Every structure is written in structure tokens, then in C-alpha cells.
Amino acid sequence: MNHPSTHARGGYIGANSAFRHNGKTPEKTLEHHLVTATKTAGGIAIKLFCPGFDGMPDRLILLPGGRCGFVEVKQAGLKPRPLQLSRHRLLRRLGFQVFVLDNETQIEVIIREISTP
């Protein structure tokens, strides 16, 4: 079992540090920034747990004006698994926007895309 202050892959996570594994921002940090940016935009970022329906995106972003979109958060360089890609296609066929976030610079673009009618 890992010590609470260590990352599952062995790196140290300082209380106020932006931990990076191999120079890449981890998913958890990207997800935190997404949640913060969504709140700043007046919305909420719901963490999705879908028992019995694996592969759904990590977050459902709800913005003012009834705008919504799904966001899959990945560490830079990692791609969604085949089941996740299948769920993304399903959601898009149903008319929903689906984004894969793997870089902090994408957050504002994603929020803007979701909020634009």
C-alpha cells in the first residue's frame, strides 16, 4: 500500500505542489483545474460514476443556458481506451459534445465550445 503522500507510481505529492509524472500533468490535477474553471464560468462539473455502464467520460459539464458536454480527462500522451471511444461515439450520435482533455491549455477552449450554442 502506498503512503498517503506518494503517488501510485512512486512520485511524491507535496501538499501545495503541482506534481508531475514524467513532466506531464496528472489527470487528477487537470480534473481539478477543469472543475475550477467550470465554477468560474458559472457552471458545475459533475463526476460521473456509472455502475454497469463502464467507459463513460469522467465529467459532465453543466453551464448556464442549459449547455452541457462530457469531458474525458487523460494524462498528456495517453489515449482513451477502446470502450471509452465507443461511449464517446454513442454520446456524439445522441447529439452530445464529448471532449478529451489532456492539456491544461484546452480547458478554456472546451468551456467555450460547450457554452457556445
C-alpha atoms as a PDB file:
ATOM      1  CA  MET A   1       0.000   0.000   0.000  1.00  0.00           C
ATOM      2  CA  ASN A   2       1.285   3.466  -0.861  1.00  0.00           C
ATOM      3  CA  HIS A   3       1.884   6.075   1.783  1.00  0.00           C
ATOM      4  CA  PRO A   4      -0.794   8.809   1.553  1.00  0.00           C
ATOM      5  CA  SER A   5       1.761  11.352   0.346  1.00  0.00           C
ATOM      6  CA  THR A   6       3.030   9.224  -2.528  1.00  0.00           C
ATOM      7  CA  HIS A   7       1.601   8.778  -5.981  1.00  0.00           C
ATOM      8  CA  ALA A   8       0.635   5.259  -7.055  1.00  0.00           C
ATOM      9  CA  ARG A   9       3.654   5.246  -9.375  1.00  0.00           C
ATOM     10  CA  GLY A  10       6.002   6.260  -6.583  1.00  0.00           C
ATOM     11  CA  GLY A  11       6.327  10.035  -7.027  1.00  0.00           C
ATOM     12  CA  TYR A  12       5.969  12.442  -4.136  1.00  0.00           C
ATOM     13  CA  ILE A  13       2.862  14.614  -3.965  1.00  0.00           C
ATOM     14  CA  GLY A  14       3.553  17.731  -1.917  1.00  0.00           C
ATOM     15  CA  ALA A  15       0.651  19.433  -0.147  1.00  0.00           C
ATOM     16  CA  ASN A  16       0.858  22.544  -2.349  1.00  0.00           C
ATOM     17  CA  SER A  17       2.822  21.269  -5.329  1.00  0.00           C
ATOM     18  CA  ALA A  18       1.626  20.546  -8.837  1.00  0.00           C
ATOM     19  CA  PHE A  19       3.003  17.011  -9.020  1.00  0.00           C
ATOM     20  CA  ARG A  20       4.127  15.945 -12.458  1.00  0.00           C
ATOM     21  CA  HIS A  21       4.930  12.424 -13.549  1.00  0.00           C
ATOM     22  CA  ASN A  22       7.486  12.331 -16.354  1.00  0.00           C
ATOM     23  CA  GLY A  23       6.924  16.076 -16.877  1.00  0.00           C
ATOM     24  CA  LYS A  24       3.207  15.586 -17.555  1.00  0.00           C
ATOM     25  CA  THR A  25       0.350  16.969 -15.504  1.00  0.00           C
ATOM     26  CA  PRO A  26      -1.556  14.065 -13.934  1.00  0.00           C
ATOM     27  CA  GLU A  27      -5.247  13.518 -14.600  1.00  0.00           C
ATOM     28  CA  LYS A  28      -6.233  14.478 -11.072  1.00  0.00           C
ATOM     29  CA  THR A  29      -4.620  17.924 -11.408  1.00  0.00           C
ATOM     30  CA  LEU A  30      -6.183  18.514 -14.842  1.00  0.00           C
ATOM     31  CA  GLU A  31      -9.546  17.462 -13.466  1.00  0.00           C
ATOM     32  CA  HIS A  32      -9.201  19.893 -10.547  1.00  0.00           C
ATOM     33  CA  HIS A  33      -8.410  22.756 -12.958  1.00  0.00           C
ATOM     34  CA  LEU A  34     -11.415  21.778 -15.102  1.00  0.00           C
ATOM     35  CA  VAL A  35     -13.721  21.861 -12.068  1.00  0.00           C
ATOM     36  CA  THR A  36     -12.358  25.262 -11.007  1.00  0.00           C
ATOM     37  CA  ALA A  37     -12.729  26.751 -14.498  1.00  0.00           C
ATOM     38  CA  THR A  38     -16.267  25.380 -14.779  1.00  0.00           C
ATOM     39  CA  LYS A  39     -17.237  27.015 -11.471  1.00  0.00           C
ATOM     40  CA  THR A  40     -15.673  30.283 -12.643  1.00  0.00           C
ATOM     41  CA  ALA A  41     -17.873  30.075 -15.764  1.00  0.00           C
ATOM     42  CA  GLY A  42     -20.940  29.737 -13.517  1.00  0.00           C
ATOM     43  CA  GLY A  43     -21.381  26.001 -14.020  1.00  0.00           C
ATOM     44  CA  ILE A  44     -20.831  22.695 -12.307  1.00  0.00           C
ATOM     45  CA  ALA A  45     -18.631  19.746 -13.232  1.00  0.00           C
ATOM     46  CA  ILE A  46     -20.280  16.532 -12.103  1.00  0.00           C
ATOM     47  CA  LYS A  47     -18.049  13.496 -11.529  1.00  0.00           C
ATOM     48  CA  LEU A  48     -19.652  10.561 -13.314  1.00  0.00           C
ATOM     49  CA  PHE A  49     -19.892   7.109 -11.780  1.00  0.00           C
ATOM     50  CA  CYS A  50     -21.890   4.721 -13.938  1.00  0.00           C
ATOM     51  CA  PRO A  51     -22.007   1.255 -12.379  1.00  0.00           C
ATOM     52  CA  GLY A  52     -22.856  -1.294 -15.030  1.00  0.00           C
ATOM     53  CA  PHE A  53     -22.027   1.141 -17.854  1.00  0.00           C
ATOM     54  CA  ASP A  54     -18.243   1.403 -17.938  1.00  0.00           C
ATOM     55  CA  GLY A  55     -16.337   3.706 -20.250  1.00  0.00           C
ATOM     56  CA  MET A  56     -18.328   6.889 -19.666  1.00  0.00           C
ATOM     57  CA  PRO A  57     -16.382  10.190 -19.600  1.00  0.00           C
ATOM     58  CA  ASP A  58     -15.061  11.445 -16.263  1.00  0.00           C
ATOM     59  CA  ARG A  59     -17.085  14.671 -16.028  1.00  0.00           C
ATOM     60  CA  LEU A  60     -20.423  16.075 -17.118  1.00  0.00           C
ATOM     61  CA  ILE A  61     -20.059  19.839 -17.519  1.00  0.00           C
ATOM     62  CA  LEU A  62     -23.256  21.856 -16.983  1.00  0.00           C
ATOM     63  CA  LEU A  63     -23.121  25.542 -17.910  1.00  0.00           C
ATOM     64  CA  PRO A  64     -25.616  28.409 -17.782  1.00  0.00           C
ATOM     65  CA  GLY A  65     -28.192  28.462 -20.551  1.00  0.00           C
ATOM     66  CA  GLY A  66     -28.760  24.718 -20.449  1.00  0.00           C
ATOM     67  CA  ARG A  67     -25.440  23.912 -22.118  1.00  0.00           C
ATOM     68  CA  CYS A  68     -23.717  20.596 -21.362  1.00  0.00           C
ATOM     69  CA  GLY A  69     -20.845  18.446 -22.532  1.00  0.00           C
ATOM     70  CA  PHE A  70     -18.856  15.414 -21.452  1.00  0.00           C
ATOM     71  CA  VAL A  71     -15.127  15.516 -20.710  1.00  0.00           C
ATOM     72  CA  GLU A  72     -12.718  12.575 -20.554  1.00  0.00           C
ATOM     73  CA  VAL A  73      -9.574  13.579 -18.648  1.00  0.00           C
ATOM     74  CA  LYS A  74      -6.300  11.907 -19.629  1.00  0.00           C
ATOM     75  CA  GLN A  75      -2.665  12.465 -18.768  1.00  0.00           C
ATOM     76  CA  ALA A  76      -0.831  14.024 -21.725  1.00  0.00           C
ATOM     77  CA  GLY A  77       0.073  11.417 -24.301  1.00  0.00           C
ATOM     78  CA  LEU A  78      -2.459   8.850 -23.103  1.00  0.00           C
ATOM     79  CA  LYS A  79      -5.426   7.997 -25.294  1.00  0.00           C
ATOM     80  CA  PRO A  80      -8.908   6.814 -24.308  1.00  0.00           C
ATOM     81  CA  ARG A  81      -9.389   3.051 -24.158  1.00  0.00           C
ATOM     82  CA  PRO A  82     -11.458   1.368 -26.919  1.00  0.00           C
ATOM     83  CA  LEU A  83     -14.523   1.108 -24.653  1.00  0.00           C
ATOM     84  CA  GLN A  84     -14.230   4.823 -23.817  1.00  0.00           C
ATOM     85  CA  LEU A  85     -14.016   5.685 -27.518  1.00  0.00           C
ATOM     86  CA  SER A  86     -17.120   3.585 -28.108  1.00  0.00           C
ATOM     87  CA  ARG A  87     -19.003   5.523 -25.401  1.00  0.00           C
ATOM     88  CA  HIS A  88     -17.796   8.812 -26.930  1.00  0.00           C
ATOM     89  CA  ARG A  89     -19.214   7.768 -30.314  1.00  0.00           C
ATOM     90  CA  LEU A  90     -22.514   6.774 -28.685  1.00  0.00           C
ATOM     91  CA  LEU A  91     -22.826  10.113 -26.880  1.00  0.00           C
ATOM     92  CA  ARG A  92     -21.998  12.040 -30.061  1.00  0.00           C
ATOM     93  CA  ARG A  93     -24.616  10.061 -32.024  1.00  0.00           C
ATOM     94  CA  LEU A  94     -27.097  11.157 -29.360  1.00  0.00           C
ATOM     95  CA  GLY A  95     -26.120  14.777 -30.024  1.00  0.00           C
ATOM     96  CA  PHE A  96     -23.847  15.455 -27.057  1.00  0.00           C
ATOM     97  CA  GLN A  97     -20.464  17.144 -27.180  1.00  0.00           C
ATOM     98  CA  VAL A  98     -17.589  14.964 -25.949  1.00  0.00           C
ATOM     99  CA  PHE A  99     -14.055  16.230 -25.326  1.00  0.00           C
ATOM    100  CA  VAL A 100     -10.786  14.558 -24.362  1.00  0.00           C
ATOM    101  CA  LEU A 101      -8.743  16.820 -22.076  1.00  0.00           C
ATOM    102  CA  ASP A 102      -5.023  16.070 -21.804  1.00  0.00           C
ATOM    103  CA  ASN A 103      -3.534  19.554 -21.556  1.00  0.00           C
ATOM    104  CA  GLU A 104      -4.414  22.431 -19.244  1.00  0.00           C
ATOM    105  CA  THR A 105      -4.464  24.869 -22.181  1.00  0.00           C
ATOM    106  CA  GLN A 106      -7.503  23.022 -23.593  1.00  0.00           C
ATOM    107  CA  ILE A 107      -9.735  23.815 -20.613  1.00  0.00           C
ATOM    108  CA  GLU A 108     -10.804  27.314 -21.684  1.00  0.00           C
ATOM    109  CA  VAL A 109     -11.410  26.095 -25.249  1.00  0.00           C
ATOM    110  CA  ILE A 110     -13.589  23.231 -24.002  1.00  0.00           C
ATOM    111  CA  ILE A 111     -15.646  25.526 -21.736  1.00  0.00           C
ATOM    112  CA  ARG A 112     -16.074  27.988 -24.624  1.00  0.00           C
ATOM    113  CA  GLU A 113     -17.144  25.188 -27.007  1.00  0.00           C
ATOM    114  CA  ILE A 114     -19.710  23.863 -24.521  1.00  0.00           C
ATOM    115  CA  SER A 115     -21.116  27.331 -23.792  1.00  0.00           C
ATOM    116  CA  THR A 116     -21.448  28.309 -27.472  1.00  0.00           C
ATOM    117  CA  PRO A 117     -24.881  27.468 -28.947  1.00  0.00           C
END
